Amino acid sequence: MDIQALIKNLHPLEIRVLRSYSAKDELTSERLQKELSYKEGHANQAFSWLAGKELAAVARREPHTYYEITDLGKTFVEKGTYDERIVALLKEKGSLALPQIAKELGIENKDVGSAFGTLSKEGVLAMDAEKKAAYTGKELSARVSTTAALLKKAAGAENGLLDKDALSADEMAVMNTLAKKRGAADAAFRIMERETVVYNLTAAAGDVAKALVEAGVTGEETGMLTSKMLATGEWKDKTFRAYNIAVPPARIIPGRTNAYVSFLESVKDKLVSIGFEEFDGPLVETEFWNSDALFMPQFHAARDIHDVYYLKNPTHAKKIDEPYLSNVAAVHRDGGKSGSRGWNYDFDTEFTRRLILRSQGTVLSAHQLGSNPKIPGKYFGIARCFRYDKVDATHLSDFYQTEGIVLGEDVNLKTLLGFLEMFAVEIAGATEVKYVPGYFPFTEPSVEVHIKHPVLGWFELGGSGIFRPEVTKAMGIDVPVAAWGIGIDRMALMALGLNDLRELFSTDIEQVRLRKAKY
């Protein structure tokens, strides 16, 4: 053992113990608190460190019992025990029925009954001919006075504790009727079982103590230089403890925003900085706004119960605002004024009011088109969506989309592709991007943007296109509208260097804490 190296790693709490005691001493936390003025935590820490360095070892463990006064016991000290209060009341008012005693004293009936039973056995109380409790004239037993003495002693003791070993046989006989180990709310004392650990210093501790004396290390060395010491000059008379710079620092965990939340905010900041306005909407939508207004036929496969979540109660909205209901119904039926032939079926105005959880962010765009938007104009939203799906690394049943529209006479497919590139390259951080023709009932032409993830490979980032006249004209819009619905969760996969969407919503706080965000 390198004693000199060990000395450098000793804390003043350990040094004082080593210099104050020898291997023949039996050391406990209580002894260190009394003789070295340690706090309980300091004493336990010193033993833990010394044991870790094999300078101290556990000699034995001694179980011990204490009795702690409860809130009820403190009430007894202040107002008197039930026995004392009941006898005093009956001395004053004569015989009373037990429920009346309980009412007069504000005591539970069961507690009055229990106290009466004990006092009647001792001959202090008796039940008269009218079934009322009456005082017999006999003095209270030693049990009552011993109870009062124990309560008073505990109330004045440090921490409200009485040591079992310090109680007499008579006191223990009474304490056994007053104390409970568990559920002690209705008891005057709570039983506290503790274990006293006795330590001995090892033989090696003697060599270390000798080296400490020779080196002049007392354990009283100053560990911190303060402004007061500098001002008064008292630092000149102090001996300073050496610092071990090899000791690893304590881990500091600063608070910060969740990495995914930061990413979402960065997307908003990017879009707002280039002139977009944000829109939002409710999680619960009607079939009308979620699908019908987007020219999705009511017999479309995506309307199946397995693809969207329906509300159980209420099941339907009260109404759909006009003229949107009539315009959309006409578009579905025969094309209305859109120049289209529509879907050629009878539009179901009952079905269109059915309530569902929003299944796509495009519903926000439909609302925006019907709210008299500015032309030219640019709008976006970040929408939480719900869709029955098989959960895997790139699919969730509860996910986020960033939805956007750009309206204007000069808007075209080239405009749209420019925004898609911004999402894929500047926001997601993808280096490989491709555009694939797609089909959506509400856009023509339609484009899917795909990016290549270093682990997951190619996957779709989202869909986009130019809204069909059946969508825009039913909402009163006569200019081209470019629209997109991008999976913002998937963008975050690439941007945050993750390999599974589920990691974005992890309940493992350590993983969330260590995740590094670029935003």
Protein backbone atom coordinates (compact mmCIF):
# COMPACT_ATOMS: atom_id res chain seq x y z
CA MET A 1 0.00 0.00 0.00
CA ASP A 2 1.34 3.42 -1.01
CA ILE A 3 0.66 5.33 2.20
CA GLN A 4 1.71 8.70 0.83
CA ALA A 5 -0.65 8.40 -2.14
CA LEU A 6 -3.40 7.25 0.22
CA ILE A 7 -2.90 10.25 2.50
CA LYS A 8 -3.49 12.60 -0.44
CA ASN A 9 -6.85 10.97 -1.05
CA LEU A 10 -8.07 11.14 2.55
CA HIS A 11 -10.88 13.52 3.42
CA PRO A 12 -10.65 15.57 6.64
CA LEU A 13 -13.54 13.52 8.05
CA GLU A 14 -11.43 10.37 7.65
CA ILE A 15 -8.23 12.00 8.91
CA ARG A 16 -9.79 13.07 12.21
CA VAL A 17 -11.12 9.55 12.83
CA LEU A 18 -7.75 7.94 12.07
CA ARG A 19 -5.89 10.35 14.34
CA SER A 20 -8.43 10.16 17.18
CA TYR A 21 -8.89 6.39 17.55
CA SER A 22 -7.01 3.11 17.42
CA ALA A 23 -7.86 -0.45 16.39
CA LYS A 24 -9.04 -1.32 19.91
CA ASP A 25 -11.78 1.35 19.88
CA GLU A 26 -15.35 0.44 18.99
CA LEU A 27 -16.72 3.21 16.83
CA THR A 28 -20.31 4.09 16.07
CA SER A 29 -22.01 7.01 14.38
CA GLU A 30 -23.31 8.18 17.74
CA ARG A 31 -19.79 8.19 19.23
CA LEU A 32 -18.39 10.29 16.40
CA GLN A 33 -21.29 12.71 16.72
CA LYS A 34 -20.64 13.08 20.44
CA GLU A 35 -16.83 13.15 20.53
CA LEU A 36 -15.92 14.72 17.16
CA SER A 37 -19.04 16.86 16.75
CA TYR A 38 -19.86 15.14 13.45
CA LYS A 39 -23.33 15.22 12.01
CA GLU A 40 -24.90 11.80 11.47
CA GLY A 41 -24.40 12.02 7.71
CA HIS A 42 -20.74 12.97 8.12
CA ALA A 43 -20.10 10.08 10.49
CA ASN A 44 -21.68 7.55 8.14
CA GLN A 45 -19.78 9.00 5.18
CA ALA A 46 -16.46 8.75 7.06
CA PHE A 47 -17.09 5.06 7.85
CA SER A 48 -18.09 4.38 4.24
CA TRP A 49 -14.91 5.97 2.85
CA LEU A 50 -12.65 4.28 5.40
CA ALA A 51 -14.22 0.89 4.74
CA GLY A 52 -13.74 1.41 1.00
CA LYS A 53 -10.02 1.98 1.61
CA GLU A 54 -9.89 -1.07 3.94
CA LEU A 55 -8.99 1.16 6.88
CA ALA A 56 -12.15 0.25 8.80
CA ALA A 57 -14.35 -2.84 9.00
CA VAL A 58 -17.73 -3.71 10.50
CA ALA A 59 -17.28 -5.43 13.88
CA ARG A 60 -20.96 -6.21 14.47
CA ARG A 61 -24.48 -4.93 14.01
CA GLU A 62 -26.68 -4.24 17.03
CA PRO A 63 -30.46 -4.03 16.52
CA HIS A 64 -32.13 -1.47 18.73
CA THR A 65 -35.68 -0.29 19.42
CA TYR A 66 -36.90 3.25 19.99
CA TYR A 67 -40.36 4.68 20.60
CA GLU A 68 -41.24 7.87 18.73
CA ILE A 69 -44.09 10.07 19.93
CA THR A 70 -46.81 10.53 17.27
CA ASP A 71 -49.05 13.49 16.51
CA LEU A 72 -51.72 11.83 18.64
CA GLY A 73 -49.24 11.50 21.48
CA LYS A 74 -48.41 15.22 21.21
CA THR A 75 -52.13 15.96 21.44
CA PHE A 76 -52.27 13.88 24.64
CA VAL A 77 -49.42 15.95 26.09
CA GLU A 78 -51.33 19.15 25.31
CA LYS A 79 -54.88 18.14 26.23
CA GLY A 80 -54.50 15.01 28.34
CA THR A 81 -55.10 11.35 27.50
CA TYR A 82 -58.56 10.01 26.75
CA ASP A 83 -58.64 8.44 30.23
CA GLU A 84 -57.83 11.72 31.97
CA ARG A 85 -60.26 13.79 29.89
CA ILE A 86 -63.17 11.34 30.29
CA VAL A 87 -62.74 11.09 34.07
CA ALA A 88 -62.45 14.89 34.36
CA LEU A 89 -65.65 15.35 32.34
CA LEU A 90 -67.62 12.85 34.43
CA LYS A 91 -66.36 14.43 37.64
CA GLU A 92 -67.76 17.74 36.39
CA LYS A 93 -71.07 16.67 34.83
CA GLY A 94 -71.94 13.38 36.47
CA SER A 95 -73.11 10.37 34.45
CA LEU A 96 -73.24 10.59 30.65
CA ALA A 97 -73.95 8.18 27.82
CA LEU A 98 -70.86 7.14 25.87
CA PRO A 99 -71.97 8.88 22.61
CA GLN A 100 -72.56 12.06 24.61
CA ILE A 101 -69.04 11.83 26.07
CA ALA A 102 -67.66 11.46 22.56
CA LYS A 103 -69.58 14.52 21.41
CA GLU A 104 -68.58 16.64 24.41
CA LEU A 105 -64.86 15.84 24.05
CA GLY A 106 -64.67 15.58 20.25
CA ILE A 107 -63.41 11.98 20.48
CA GLU A 108 -64.33 9.03 18.26
CA ASN A 109 -66.97 6.69 19.72
CA LYS A 110 -64.60 3.73 19.43
CA ASP A 111 -61.92 5.54 21.44
CA VAL A 112 -64.43 6.45 24.16
CA GLY A 113 -65.64 2.83 24.30
CA SER A 114 -62.08 1.49 24.53
CA ALA A 115 -61.12 3.93 27.31
CA PHE A 116 -64.32 3.17 29.24
CA GLY A 117 -63.67 -0.56 29.01
CA THR A 118 -60.18 -0.19 30.50
CA LEU A 119 -61.24 2.27 33.21
CA SER A 120 -64.23 0.12 34.23
CA LYS A 121 -61.91 -2.89 34.65
CA GLU A 122 -59.76 -0.76 36.93
CA GLY A 123 -62.87 0.27 38.92
CA VAL A 124 -62.58 3.98 38.06
CA LEU A 125 -65.78 4.09 35.96
CA ALA A 126 -68.99 2.08 35.99
CA MET A 127 -72.26 1.90 34.05
CA ASP A 128 -75.26 3.07 36.11
CA ALA A 129 -78.88 1.88 35.92
CA GLU A 130 -79.57 4.26 33.02
CA LYS A 131 -76.74 2.77 30.98
CA LYS A 132 -74.63 5.86 31.47
CA ALA A 133 -70.97 6.02 32.44
CA ALA A 134 -70.31 7.38 35.92
CA TYR A 135 -67.20 8.09 38.00
CA THR A 136 -66.89 5.71 41.00
CA GLY A 137 -64.61 7.93 43.07
CA LYS A 138 -61.59 5.63 42.77
CA GLU A 139 -58.30 7.30 41.87
CA LEU A 140 -56.77 6.77 38.44
CA SER A 141 -54.37 3.84 38.27
CA ALA A 142 -50.58 4.01 38.00
CA ARG A 143 -51.03 3.10 34.32
CA VAL A 144 -52.52 6.53 33.60
CA SER A 145 -49.82 8.43 35.46
CA THR A 146 -47.07 6.33 33.82
CA THR A 147 -48.60 7.03 30.41
CA ALA A 148 -48.58 10.75 31.09
CA ALA A 149 -44.98 10.60 32.29
CA LEU A 150 -43.83 8.71 29.18
CA LEU A 151 -45.57 11.20 26.90
CA LYS A 152 -44.02 14.16 28.68
CA LYS A 153 -40.56 12.58 28.61
CA ALA A 154 -40.82 11.83 24.85
CA ALA A 155 -42.10 15.32 24.04
CA GLY A 156 -39.04 16.80 25.73
CA ALA A 157 -36.54 14.33 24.28
CA GLU A 158 -34.39 14.99 21.24
CA ASN A 159 -36.22 13.83 18.08
CA GLY A 160 -39.15 12.72 20.25
CA LEU A 161 -37.55 9.31 20.82
CA LEU A 162 -37.40 7.08 23.89
CA ASP A 163 -34.78 4.34 24.08
CA LYS A 164 -36.25 0.95 24.93
CA ASP A 165 -33.22 0.05 27.04
CA ALA A 166 -33.74 3.16 29.16
CA LEU A 167 -37.29 2.21 30.18
CA SER A 168 -38.13 0.37 33.39
CA ALA A 169 -40.19 -2.82 33.50
CA ASP A 170 -43.29 -0.88 34.58
CA GLU A 171 -42.79 1.68 31.83
CA MET A 172 -42.34 -1.09 29.25
CA ALA A 173 -45.57 -2.75 30.40
CA VAL A 174 -47.44 0.49 29.72
CA MET A 175 -45.51 1.26 26.50
CA ASN A 176 -46.60 -2.08 25.04
CA THR A 177 -50.20 -0.82 25.23
CA LEU A 178 -49.36 2.53 23.65
CA ALA A 179 -46.99 1.75 20.75
CA LYS A 180 -47.57 0.31 17.29
CA LYS A 181 -45.09 -0.59 14.57
CA ARG A 182 -47.34 0.12 11.61
CA GLY A 183 -50.51 2.13 11.21
CA ALA A 184 -49.59 4.22 14.24
CA ALA A 185 -52.01 7.10 13.51
CA ASP A 186 -54.26 5.93 16.35
CA ALA A 187 -51.38 5.16 18.74
CA ALA A 188 -49.45 7.48 21.05
CA PHE A 189 -46.07 6.00 20.05
CA ARG A 190 -44.57 4.51 16.89
CA ILE A 191 -42.09 1.63 17.22
CA MET A 192 -38.80 2.48 15.48
CA GLU A 193 -36.36 -0.36 14.90
CA ARG A 194 -32.85 0.73 14.06
CA GLU A 195 -29.52 -0.98 13.68
CA THR A 196 -26.33 0.35 15.23
CA VAL A 197 -23.25 -0.58 13.20
CA VAL A 198 -20.05 -0.92 15.22
CA TYR A 199 -16.75 -0.39 13.40
CA ASN A 200 -13.11 -1.14 14.22
CA LEU A 201 -10.14 0.45 12.53
CA THR A 202 -7.89 -2.08 10.78
CA ALA A 203 -4.17 -2.64 11.41
CA ALA A 204 -3.37 -0.69 8.26
CA ALA A 205 -5.17 2.31 9.74
CA GLY A 206 -2.50 2.52 12.45
CA ASP A 207 0.26 2.90 9.86
CA VAL A 208 -1.71 5.57 8.04
CA ALA A 209 -2.40 7.44 11.29
CA LYS A 210 1.32 7.41 12.11
CA ALA A 211 2.16 8.78 8.67
CA LEU A 212 -0.45 11.52 9.13
CA VAL A 213 1.18 12.60 12.40
CA GLU A 214 4.64 12.63 10.81
CA ALA A 215 3.36 14.68 7.89
CA GLY A 216 1.64 17.13 10.22
CA VAL A 217 -1.76 16.52 8.64
CA THR A 218 -4.45 17.14 11.27
CA GLY A 219 -7.69 17.07 9.31
CA GLU A 220 -8.29 20.68 10.33
CA GLU A 221 -6.80 22.00 7.10
CA THR A 222 -8.80 24.64 5.29
CA GLY A 223 -10.41 23.44 2.11
CA MET A 224 -11.61 26.77 0.72
CA LEU A 225 -10.09 30.24 0.41
CA THR A 226 -12.76 32.87 1.04
CA SER A 227 -12.92 36.59 0.34
CA LYS A 228 -13.09 37.20 4.09
CA MET A 229 -9.75 35.39 4.60
CA LEU A 230 -8.16 37.56 1.92
CA ALA A 231 -9.61 40.76 3.39
CA THR A 232 -8.53 40.03 6.97
CA GLY A 233 -5.26 38.30 6.13
CA GLU A 234 -6.19 35.28 8.27
CA TRP A 235 -5.27 33.00 5.34
CA LYS A 236 -1.64 33.49 6.36
CA ASP A 237 -2.19 31.46 9.53
CA LYS A 238 -4.16 28.70 7.81
CA THR A 239 -2.95 25.35 6.53
CA PHE A 240 -4.63 24.50 3.26
CA ARG A 241 -5.64 21.03 2.18
CA ALA A 242 -4.07 19.82 -1.05
CA TYR A 243 -6.38 19.14 -3.97
CA ASN A 244 -6.31 15.89 -5.89
CA ILE A 245 -6.96 16.96 -9.47
CA ALA A 246 -7.21 13.32 -10.56
CA VAL A 247 -10.50 12.86 -8.70
CA PRO A 248 -13.35 12.77 -11.24
CA PRO A 249 -15.79 15.66 -10.83
CA ALA A 250 -19.38 15.16 -9.81
CA ARG A 251 -21.74 14.81 -12.73
CA ILE A 252 -23.62 18.01 -13.45
CA ILE A 253 -26.91 17.62 -15.30
CA PRO A 254 -28.08 21.01 -16.58
CA GLY A 255 -31.67 21.52 -17.59
CA ARG A 256 -32.37 21.97 -21.27
CA THR A 257 -35.09 21.59 -23.85
CA ASN A 258 -35.86 18.13 -25.22
CA ALA A 259 -33.94 17.64 -28.48
CA TYR A 260 -37.08 16.86 -30.47
CA VAL A 261 -38.89 19.91 -29.10
CA SER A 262 -35.89 22.02 -30.14
CA PHE A 263 -36.07 20.50 -33.60
CA LEU A 264 -39.78 21.34 -33.95
CA GLU A 265 -39.07 24.91 -32.89
CA SER A 266 -36.27 25.14 -35.45
CA VAL A 267 -38.66 24.10 -38.23
CA LYS A 268 -41.12 26.79 -37.15
CA ASP A 269 -38.35 29.40 -37.02
CA LYS A 270 -37.14 28.46 -40.51
CA LEU A 271 -40.60 28.76 -42.08
CA VAL A 272 -41.50 31.98 -40.27
CA SER A 273 -38.18 33.51 -41.33
CA ILE A 274 -39.11 33.06 -45.01
CA GLY A 275 -42.54 34.61 -44.64
CA PHE A 276 -44.86 31.76 -43.65
CA GLU A 277 -47.74 32.24 -41.21
CA GLU A 278 -48.65 29.42 -38.83
CA PHE A 279 -52.11 27.83 -38.62
CA ASP A 280 -53.55 25.22 -36.27
CA GLY A 281 -56.73 23.24 -35.64
CA PRO A 282 -58.44 20.70 -33.35
CA LEU A 283 -57.38 17.06 -32.96
CA VAL A 284 -61.00 15.97 -33.39
CA GLU A 285 -62.28 16.58 -36.91
CA THR A 286 -65.25 15.69 -39.07
CA GLU A 287 -65.08 13.42 -42.10
CA PHE A 288 -65.96 16.54 -44.05
CA TRP A 289 -62.79 18.52 -43.33
CA ASN A 290 -60.51 15.51 -42.92
CA SER A 291 -61.42 13.93 -46.26
CA ASP A 292 -64.52 15.21 -48.12
CA ALA A 293 -63.19 18.75 -48.52
CA LEU A 294 -60.03 17.18 -49.97
CA PHE A 295 -62.02 15.47 -52.73
CA MET A 296 -61.50 12.06 -51.17
CA PRO A 297 -64.57 9.96 -52.10
CA GLN A 298 -66.66 8.65 -49.24
CA PHE A 299 -66.10 5.10 -50.47
CA HIS A 300 -62.30 5.56 -50.47
CA ALA A 301 -60.33 2.69 -48.87
CA ALA A 302 -58.75 5.09 -46.34
CA ARG A 303 -62.22 5.59 -44.81
CA ASP A 304 -62.12 2.03 -43.52
CA ILE A 305 -62.48 1.67 -39.73
CA HIS A 306 -58.97 0.20 -39.57
CA ASP A 307 -57.29 3.37 -40.92
CA VAL A 308 -58.84 6.11 -38.80
CA TYR A 309 -60.01 6.39 -35.21
CA TYR A 310 -63.68 7.22 -34.66
CA LEU A 311 -65.16 8.93 -31.60
CA LYS A 312 -67.50 6.83 -29.50
CA ASN A 313 -69.33 9.77 -27.93
CA PRO A 314 -70.39 12.04 -29.50
CA THR A 315 -70.33 10.32 -32.86
CA HIS A 316 -71.33 13.25 -35.09
CA ALA A 317 -70.91 17.01 -35.30
CA LYS A 318 -74.11 19.06 -35.19
CA LYS A 319 -73.56 20.72 -38.58
CA ILE A 320 -71.11 21.65 -41.35
CA ASP A 321 -70.88 25.32 -42.25
CA GLU A 322 -72.25 26.61 -45.51
CA PRO A 323 -71.58 27.23 -48.35
CA TYR A 324 -68.76 24.69 -47.92
CA LEU A 325 -71.06 21.71 -47.37
CA SER A 326 -73.10 22.42 -50.51
CA ASN A 327 -70.03 23.25 -52.62
CA VAL A 328 -68.16 20.08 -51.62
CA ALA A 329 -71.27 17.91 -52.00
CA ALA A 330 -71.74 19.26 -55.53
CA VAL A 331 -68.08 18.63 -56.41
CA HIS A 332 -68.37 15.01 -55.26
CA ARG A 333 -71.70 14.53 -56.99
CA ASP A 334 -71.04 16.04 -60.46
CA GLY A 335 -68.02 18.31 -60.22
CA GLY A 336 -69.99 21.43 -59.31
CA LYS A 337 -68.28 24.56 -60.69
CA SER A 338 -64.81 22.99 -60.71
CA GLY A 339 -64.91 21.85 -64.32
CA SER A 340 -64.68 18.23 -63.17
CA ARG A 341 -67.15 15.38 -63.54
CA GLY A 342 -66.83 14.61 -59.81
CA TRP A 343 -67.13 11.08 -58.40
CA ASN A 344 -70.71 10.52 -59.62
CA TYR A 345 -72.36 9.31 -56.37
CA ASP A 346 -74.92 10.63 -53.92
CA PHE A 347 -73.01 12.57 -51.25
CA ASP A 348 -73.95 11.39 -47.74
CA THR A 349 -74.50 14.47 -45.55
CA GLU A 350 -74.92 12.27 -42.46
CA PHE A 351 -71.62 10.46 -42.97
CA THR A 352 -69.74 13.72 -43.53
CA ARG A 353 -70.58 14.88 -39.96
CA ARG A 354 -68.99 11.81 -38.34
CA LEU A 355 -66.25 12.70 -35.83
CA ILE A 356 -62.77 11.20 -36.05
CA LEU A 357 -59.26 11.89 -34.80
CA ARG A 358 -57.35 13.93 -37.37
CA SER A 359 -55.60 11.43 -39.66
CA GLN A 360 -53.59 13.85 -41.79
CA GLY A 361 -52.22 17.35 -41.52
CA THR A 362 -53.81 18.36 -44.83
CA VAL A 363 -57.05 18.99 -42.95
CA LEU A 364 -55.44 22.21 -41.68
CA SER A 365 -54.86 23.34 -45.26
CA ALA A 366 -58.52 22.65 -46.11
CA HIS A 367 -59.60 24.85 -43.19
CA GLN A 368 -57.18 27.57 -44.25
CA LEU A 369 -58.50 27.60 -47.80
CA GLY A 370 -62.00 28.15 -46.42
CA SER A 371 -60.95 31.03 -44.14
CA ASN A 372 -60.41 33.65 -46.87
CA PRO A 373 -56.58 33.44 -46.93
CA LYS A 374 -54.32 36.18 -48.31
CA ILE A 375 -53.35 35.81 -51.97
CA PRO A 376 -50.47 35.56 -52.52
CA GLY A 377 -49.89 33.83 -49.20
CA LYS A 378 -47.81 31.19 -47.44
CA TYR A 379 -49.09 29.15 -44.48
CA PHE A 380 -47.87 26.19 -42.44
CA GLY A 381 -48.78 24.13 -39.40
CA ILE A 382 -47.32 21.31 -37.30
CA ALA A 383 -50.12 18.82 -36.78
CA ARG A 384 -50.39 15.82 -34.50
CA CYS A 385 -52.13 13.05 -36.44
CA PHE A 386 -53.58 9.64 -35.61
CA ARG A 387 -53.78 6.70 -37.97
CA TYR A 388 -54.03 2.98 -37.33
CA ASP A 389 -50.68 1.60 -38.48
CA LYS A 390 -48.14 -1.06 -37.71
CA VAL A 391 -45.56 0.54 -35.45
CA ASP A 392 -41.94 0.12 -36.53
CA ALA A 393 -38.80 2.20 -37.02
CA THR A 394 -40.48 4.53 -39.54
CA HIS A 395 -44.19 4.24 -38.66
CA LEU A 396 -46.20 5.33 -35.62
CA SER A 397 -49.93 5.41 -34.97
CA ASP A 398 -49.53 8.83 -33.32
CA PHE A 399 -47.24 11.10 -35.34
CA TYR A 400 -46.53 14.67 -36.41
CA GLN A 401 -46.67 16.27 -39.85
CA THR A 402 -45.67 19.70 -41.03
CA GLU A 403 -48.38 20.88 -43.39
CA GLY A 404 -48.06 23.85 -45.71
CA ILE A 405 -49.67 25.67 -48.61
CA VAL A 406 -48.51 28.43 -50.95
CA LEU A 407 -51.15 30.37 -52.89
CA GLY A 408 -50.57 32.66 -55.85
CA GLU A 409 -50.95 33.21 -59.57
CA ASP A 410 -47.31 32.25 -60.20
CA VAL A 411 -47.27 29.12 -58.00
CA ASN A 412 -46.34 25.95 -59.90
CA LEU A 413 -44.59 22.59 -59.51
CA LYS A 414 -41.16 24.23 -59.57
CA THR A 415 -42.20 26.34 -56.57
CA LEU A 416 -43.20 23.19 -54.73
CA LEU A 417 -39.98 21.30 -55.53
CA GLY A 418 -37.96 24.19 -54.11
CA PHE A 419 -39.72 23.89 -50.76
CA LEU A 420 -39.36 20.09 -50.75
CA GLU A 421 -35.61 20.44 -51.26
CA MET A 422 -35.46 22.85 -48.33
CA PHE A 423 -37.17 20.31 -46.07
CA ALA A 424 -35.04 17.38 -47.22
CA VAL A 425 -31.63 19.08 -47.31
CA GLU A 426 -31.66 22.13 -45.04
CA ILE A 427 -33.95 20.83 -42.30
CA ALA A 428 -33.61 17.04 -42.36
CA GLY A 429 -29.94 17.21 -43.35
CA ALA A 430 -30.23 14.55 -46.07
CA THR A 431 -27.50 14.30 -48.68
CA GLU A 432 -29.38 11.99 -51.04
CA VAL A 433 -32.87 13.04 -52.16
CA LYS A 434 -35.20 11.86 -54.92
CA TYR A 435 -38.66 12.84 -56.10
CA VAL A 436 -41.14 10.14 -57.07
CA PRO A 437 -44.50 10.59 -58.85
CA GLY A 438 -47.39 9.83 -56.52
CA TYR A 439 -51.17 9.80 -56.32
CA PHE A 440 -53.39 11.67 -53.91
CA PRO A 441 -57.11 12.35 -54.52
CA PHE A 442 -56.64 16.05 -53.76
CA THR A 443 -53.50 16.99 -55.79
CA GLU A 444 -52.47 16.83 -59.44
CA PRO A 445 -49.62 16.54 -60.19
CA SER A 446 -48.56 14.71 -57.01
CA VAL A 447 -45.00 14.19 -55.82
CA GLU A 448 -43.44 12.10 -53.05
CA VAL A 449 -40.06 13.14 -51.66
CA HIS A 450 -37.73 10.36 -50.49
CA ILE A 451 -34.47 10.63 -48.53
CA LYS A 452 -31.76 8.09 -47.78
CA HIS A 453 -31.02 7.36 -44.13
CA PRO A 454 -27.54 5.95 -43.37
CA VAL A 455 -29.05 2.96 -41.50
CA LEU A 456 -32.69 2.66 -42.58
CA GLY A 457 -32.03 3.34 -46.26
CA TRP A 458 -34.57 5.06 -48.51
CA PHE A 459 -37.93 6.05 -47.07
CA GLU A 460 -40.70 8.49 -47.94
CA LEU A 461 -40.49 11.85 -46.23
CA GLY A 462 -43.95 12.95 -47.32
CA GLY A 463 -46.38 13.74 -50.10
CA SER A 464 -47.10 16.94 -51.99
CA GLY A 465 -48.67 18.40 -55.10
CA ILE A 466 -50.82 21.14 -56.60
CA PHE A 467 -54.35 21.14 -55.17
CA ARG A 468 -56.98 20.09 -57.68
CA PRO A 469 -59.66 22.62 -58.67
CA GLU A 470 -62.21 20.35 -56.95
CA VAL A 471 -60.51 21.28 -53.65
CA THR A 472 -59.74 24.96 -54.19
CA LYS A 473 -62.84 26.15 -56.07
CA ALA A 474 -65.20 24.57 -53.50
CA MET A 475 -63.48 26.80 -50.93
CA GLY A 476 -63.67 29.90 -53.14
CA ILE A 477 -60.02 29.92 -54.24
CA ASP A 478 -59.24 30.53 -57.96
CA VAL A 479 -55.40 30.54 -57.93
CA PRO A 480 -52.96 27.62 -57.93
CA VAL A 481 -52.14 26.21 -54.48
CA ALA A 482 -49.03 24.14 -53.81
CA ALA A 483 -49.40 21.88 -50.78
CA TRP A 484 -47.32 19.38 -48.82
CA GLY A 485 -47.63 17.08 -45.85
CA ILE A 486 -44.16 16.13 -44.58
CA GLY A 487 -43.51 13.62 -41.81
CA ILE A 488 -41.64 15.86 -39.40
CA ASP A 489 -40.87 12.85 -37.18
CA ARG A 490 -39.00 11.31 -40.09
CA MET A 491 -37.08 14.50 -40.72
CA ALA A 492 -36.05 14.43 -37.07
CA LEU A 493 -34.69 10.88 -37.50
CA MET A 494 -32.12 12.18 -39.94
CA ALA A 495 -31.49 15.52 -38.27
CA LEU A 496 -30.97 14.05 -34.77
CA GLY A 497 -29.01 11.00 -35.91
CA LEU A 498 -31.59 8.44 -34.71
CA ASN A 499 -32.53 5.08 -36.19
CA ASP A 500 -36.05 4.59 -34.84
CA LEU A 501 -39.03 6.96 -34.57
CA ARG A 502 -39.88 5.52 -31.17
CA GLU A 503 -36.69 7.03 -29.76
CA LEU A 504 -38.25 10.48 -30.21
CA PHE A 505 -40.85 9.63 -27.57
CA SER A 506 -38.68 7.49 -25.28
CA THR A 507 -39.51 7.29 -21.57
CA ASP A 508 -35.83 6.55 -20.82
CA ILE A 509 -34.84 9.92 -19.38
CA GLU A 510 -31.14 9.05 -19.52
CA GLN A 511 -31.31 8.52 -23.28
CA VAL A 512 -33.27 11.73 -23.72
CA ARG A 513 -30.79 13.61 -21.53
CA LEU A 514 -27.76 12.43 -23.52
CA ARG A 515 -29.31 13.06 -26.92
CA LYS A 516 -27.45 15.83 -28.69
CA ALA A 517 -29.47 18.21 -30.80
CA LYS A 518 -28.09 20.36 -33.60
CA TYR A 519 -30.76 22.96 -32.98
